[in-house]
N, C-alpha and C. Protein backbone atom coordinates (compact mmCIF):
# COMPACT_ATOMS: atom_id res chain seq x y z
N MET A 1 79.73 99.28 105.13
CA MET A 1 80.54 98.56 103.93
C MET A 1 81.58 98.08 104.41
N PHE A 2 82.60 99.07 104.94
CA PHE A 2 83.95 98.75 105.31
C PHE A 2 84.27 98.40 106.66
N GLY A 3 83.27 98.55 107.58
CA GLY A 3 83.16 98.14 108.99
C GLY A 3 84.29 98.97 109.88
N LYS A 4 85.09 98.20 110.25
CA LYS A 4 86.13 98.74 111.39
C LYS A 4 87.19 99.59 110.58
N TYR A 5 87.23 99.50 109.22
CA TYR A 5 88.37 100.20 108.50
C TYR A 5 87.78 101.73 107.97
N ARG A 6 86.76 101.99 108.47
CA ARG A 6 86.16 103.42 108.04
C ARG A 6 87.13 104.56 108.39
N TRP A 7 87.70 104.40 109.68
CA TRP A 7 88.70 105.23 110.14
C TRP A 7 89.82 105.48 109.13
N LEU A 8 90.19 104.51 108.65
CA LEU A 8 91.39 104.42 107.79
C LEU A 8 91.04 104.95 106.66
N LEU A 9 89.90 104.57 106.01
CA LEU A 9 89.52 105.32 104.62
C LEU A 9 89.35 106.82 104.80
N ARG A 10 88.93 107.33 106.02
CA ARG A 10 88.83 108.66 106.25
C ARG A 10 90.13 109.13 106.45
N LEU A 11 91.09 108.58 106.92
CA LEU A 11 92.43 109.14 107.13
C LEU A 11 93.13 109.21 105.58
N ILE A 12 92.86 108.19 104.75
CA ILE A 12 93.42 108.20 103.55
C ILE A 12 92.93 109.49 102.69
N GLY A 13 91.80 109.55 102.82
CA GLY A 13 90.99 110.54 102.03
C GLY A 13 91.58 111.99 102.44
N LEU A 14 91.60 112.12 103.60
CA LEU A 14 92.35 113.38 104.00
C LEU A 14 93.59 113.72 103.83
N ALA A 15 94.43 112.43 103.76
CA ALA A 15 95.83 112.69 103.29
C ALA A 15 95.95 112.90 101.91
N ILE A 16 95.22 112.28 101.14
CA ILE A 16 94.88 112.86 99.57
C ILE A 16 94.63 114.36 99.31
N ILE A 17 93.51 114.57 100.23
CA ILE A 17 93.20 116.04 99.97
C ILE A 17 94.10 116.82 100.38
N ALA A 18 95.02 116.59 101.54
CA ALA A 18 96.40 117.48 101.84
C ALA A 18 97.33 117.50 100.78
N VAL A 19 97.66 116.36 100.38
CA VAL A 19 98.42 116.41 99.02
C VAL A 19 98.13 117.31 97.95
N ALA A 20 96.80 117.23 97.62
CA ALA A 20 96.21 118.13 96.61
C ALA A 20 96.29 119.79 97.04
N LEU A 21 96.31 120.21 98.09
CA LEU A 21 95.98 121.55 98.72
C LEU A 21 97.84 121.95 98.83
N LEU A 22 98.40 120.91 99.30
CA LEU A 22 99.86 121.41 99.81
C LEU A 22 100.98 121.01 98.88
N GLY A 23 100.67 120.16 97.76
CA GLY A 23 101.51 119.64 96.83
C GLY A 23 102.19 120.44 95.89
N ASN A 24 101.60 121.52 95.73
CA ASN A 24 102.25 122.62 94.70
C ASN A 24 102.23 121.90 93.36
N LEU A 25 101.23 121.20 92.83
CA LEU A 25 101.47 120.39 91.58
C LEU A 25 100.82 121.48 90.51
N PRO A 26 101.33 121.06 89.41
CA PRO A 26 101.00 122.09 88.14
C PRO A 26 99.50 121.62 87.38
N GLY A 27 98.92 122.78 86.95
CA GLY A 27 97.95 122.41 86.03
C GLY A 27 96.67 121.92 86.89
N ALA A 28 95.96 120.98 86.00
CA ALA A 28 94.60 120.49 86.94
C ALA A 28 94.70 119.31 87.79
N TRP A 29 96.08 119.04 87.96
CA TRP A 29 96.29 117.67 89.00
C TRP A 29 95.78 117.91 90.22
N PRO A 30 96.00 119.06 90.99
CA PRO A 30 95.14 119.49 92.28
C PRO A 30 93.66 119.11 92.30
N ILE A 31 92.93 119.48 91.36
CA ILE A 31 91.61 119.37 91.04
C ILE A 31 91.26 117.87 91.13
N GLY A 32 91.94 117.25 90.35
CA GLY A 32 91.74 115.67 90.31
C GLY A 32 91.81 115.13 91.40
N ILE A 33 93.02 115.17 91.88
CA ILE A 33 93.48 114.46 93.17
C ILE A 33 92.43 114.77 94.31
N GLY A 34 92.10 116.05 94.25
CA GLY A 34 90.94 116.42 95.62
C GLY A 34 89.91 115.90 95.37
N ILE A 35 89.52 115.47 94.11
CA ILE A 35 88.07 114.97 94.07
C ILE A 35 88.41 113.49 94.23
N VAL A 36 89.26 112.90 93.72
CA VAL A 36 89.57 111.45 94.38
C VAL A 36 89.75 111.41 95.93
N GLY A 37 90.09 112.29 96.74
CA GLY A 37 90.38 112.47 98.04
C GLY A 37 88.94 112.44 98.65
N LEU A 38 88.17 113.14 97.94
CA LEU A 38 86.87 113.42 98.56
C LEU A 38 85.92 112.02 98.25
N VAL A 39 86.14 111.29 97.19
CA VAL A 39 85.33 110.11 97.23
C VAL A 39 85.95 109.11 97.94
N VAL A 40 87.16 108.97 98.15
CA VAL A 40 87.71 108.16 99.28
C VAL A 40 87.20 108.27 100.82
N PHE A 41 87.38 109.69 100.73
CA PHE A 41 86.87 110.14 102.30
C PHE A 41 85.17 109.73 102.42
N PHE A 42 84.42 109.94 101.29
CA PHE A 42 82.98 109.74 101.70
C PHE A 42 82.67 108.15 101.21
N LEU A 43 83.59 107.48 100.76
CA LEU A 43 83.35 106.09 100.57
C LEU A 43 83.00 105.40 101.79
N ALA A 44 83.51 105.90 103.02
CA ALA A 44 83.74 105.28 104.36
C ALA A 44 82.22 105.29 104.93
N GLY A 45 81.45 106.08 104.15
CA GLY A 45 80.07 106.00 104.69
C GLY A 45 79.76 107.08 105.93
N PRO A 46 78.57 107.00 106.38
CA PRO A 46 78.02 108.07 107.65
C PRO A 46 79.16 107.61 108.65
N THR A 47 79.22 108.65 109.73
CA THR A 47 80.14 108.38 110.80
C THR A 47 79.34 107.82 111.93
């Protein structure tokens, strides 16, 4: 779907997941941000 920008979507997804894991955010924020990161990562489609 995104063609040549798949690598960029995967990188952004991994960066969002890293922020969720390492950001030391309070409450349920890490879970929500992690889910968004996974959605962006898998939005790129199959490798």
